[in-house]
Amino acid sequence: MPFEILPDDHLVDPTVQCDACEAVCCRLTVVVMPDDIVPRHLTTHTSKGLEVMARDEDGWCVAVDRINMCCSIYSQRPTVCRSFTMGSGFCRAERDAYARGIHFELRD
C-alpha cells in the first residue's frame, strides 16, 4: 500500500511530544529510497530486495541513540522518517494504532 497522506497531516497537535511517546515511529519498518542520504552501513535488504533501516535485537531502528532517545542521523534520516513530524497526522495515527495493539510489519 502506498504511503497515504492523511487529510489532517498538516495539522500538528502541540500536545503530542516525543518524550511522552514509546518511540513508535522508531520501530516501524523504514524503506530507504534511492535518493536518501542515509549512511548505508545502517541499512539492510529484505529478501525481496528492498533497502530498509536495520533494527537492533529489540526491534528499534539502529539509528536511534537509546541513551538520549533521539535519532543519531537526524539530518540524514530517510524520507519516510521526515514525514513523521512530531504531532502530525502520521505520528498521531501510528501512536493510536500502537495503543490499540495494531502493529504493521513488512513481510518478506
Protein backbone atom coordinates (compact mmCIF):
# COMPACT_ATOMS: atom_id res chain seq x y z
CA MET A 1 0.00 0.00 0.00
CA PRO A 2 1.46 3.42 -0.90
CA PHE A 3 2.10 5.98 1.77
CA GLU A 4 -1.21 7.74 2.27
CA ILE A 5 -1.43 11.43 3.08
CA LEU A 6 -3.88 11.84 5.92
CA PRO A 7 -6.44 14.63 5.50
CA ASP A 8 -5.18 16.48 8.55
CA ASP A 9 -1.48 15.67 8.29
CA HIS A 10 -0.63 19.36 8.01
CA LEU A 11 -2.24 19.91 11.43
CA VAL A 12 0.25 19.42 14.22
CA ASP A 13 -1.05 18.70 17.70
CA PRO A 14 1.30 20.59 20.04
CA THR A 15 0.32 18.38 22.97
CA VAL A 16 2.00 15.37 21.30
CA GLN A 17 5.62 15.20 22.41
CA CYS A 18 8.29 12.62 21.62
CA ASP A 19 9.43 12.48 25.25
CA ALA A 20 5.98 11.17 26.21
CA CYS A 21 5.93 8.53 23.48
CA GLU A 22 7.15 4.97 23.23
CA ALA A 23 9.03 5.94 20.03
CA VAL A 24 6.54 4.08 17.89
CA CYS A 25 7.94 5.60 14.69
CA CYS A 26 11.43 4.32 15.59
CA ARG A 27 10.15 0.74 15.49
CA LEU A 28 8.42 0.84 12.11
CA THR A 29 9.89 -0.77 9.02
CA VAL A 30 11.51 2.13 7.19
CA VAL A 31 12.09 1.68 3.48
CA VAL A 32 15.10 3.66 2.29
CA MET A 33 14.55 5.44 -1.01
CA PRO A 34 17.34 5.62 -3.63
CA ASP A 35 17.76 9.39 -3.13
CA ASP A 36 18.02 9.14 0.67
CA ILE A 37 21.45 10.05 2.05
CA VAL A 38 21.30 7.56 4.91
CA PRO A 39 24.64 6.05 5.92
CA ARG A 40 24.38 2.70 4.17
CA HIS A 41 26.07 0.77 6.97
CA LEU A 42 22.83 1.35 8.92
CA THR A 43 20.67 -0.36 6.30
CA THR A 44 19.90 -3.91 5.28
CA HIS A 45 17.99 -5.57 2.47
CA THR A 46 14.85 -7.66 2.69
CA SER A 47 14.62 -10.97 0.84
CA LYS A 48 12.65 -9.08 -1.84
CA GLY A 49 15.48 -6.60 -2.33
CA LEU A 50 14.06 -3.58 -0.50
CA GLU A 51 16.62 -1.49 1.33
CA VAL A 52 15.39 -0.78 4.85
CA MET A 53 16.81 0.71 8.01
CA ALA A 54 18.36 -2.07 10.08
CA ARG A 55 16.94 -2.84 13.51
CA ASP A 56 18.57 -3.95 16.70
CA GLU A 57 17.61 -7.09 18.62
CA ASP A 58 14.75 -5.23 20.34
CA GLY A 59 13.25 -4.05 17.05
CA TRP A 60 14.41 -0.45 17.31
CA CYS A 61 15.95 1.37 14.37
CA VAL A 62 19.73 1.15 14.70
CA ALA A 63 20.00 4.93 14.19
CA VAL A 64 18.22 5.63 17.49
CA ASP A 65 20.51 6.88 20.22
CA ARG A 66 18.90 4.95 23.08
CA ILE A 67 20.69 6.96 25.77
CA ASN A 68 19.31 10.32 24.60
CA MET A 69 16.24 8.88 22.82
CA CYS A 70 16.83 10.73 19.60
CA CYS A 71 17.83 9.98 16.03
CA SER A 72 21.61 9.86 15.66
CA ILE A 73 21.34 10.64 11.92
CA TYR A 74 18.56 13.23 12.13
CA SER A 75 19.90 15.43 9.31
CA GLN A 76 20.37 12.31 7.14
CA ARG A 77 17.19 10.45 8.14
CA PRO A 78 15.18 8.72 5.40
CA THR A 79 12.34 10.45 3.57
CA VAL A 80 9.81 8.22 5.34
CA CYS A 81 11.06 9.39 8.73
CA ARG A 82 10.78 13.01 7.65
CA SER A 83 7.03 12.52 7.21
CA PHE A 84 6.69 11.77 10.93
CA THR A 85 6.67 15.32 12.20
CA MET A 86 6.05 15.26 15.93
CA GLY A 87 2.30 15.56 16.42
CA SER A 88 1.45 15.31 12.71
CA GLY A 89 -1.32 13.13 11.33
CA PHE A 90 1.15 10.33 10.54
CA CYS A 91 2.53 10.49 14.06
CA ARG A 92 -0.88 10.53 15.72
CA ALA A 93 -2.21 7.69 13.53
CA GLU A 94 0.74 5.41 14.35
CA ARG A 95 0.55 6.21 18.06
CA ASP A 96 -3.18 5.45 18.03
CA ALA A 97 -2.69 2.16 16.14
CA TYR A 98 0.10 1.15 18.52
CA ALA A 99 -2.06 1.95 21.55
CA ARG A 100 -4.82 -0.24 20.10
CA GLY A 101 -2.36 -3.11 19.56
CA ILE A 102 -2.25 -2.83 15.79
CA HIS A 103 1.31 -3.40 14.59
CA PHE A 104 2.26 -3.48 10.94
CA GLU A 105 5.32 -5.29 9.71
CA LEU A 106 6.85 -5.51 6.26
CA ARG A 107 6.82 -9.19 5.43
CA ASP A 108 9.34 -10.89 3.16
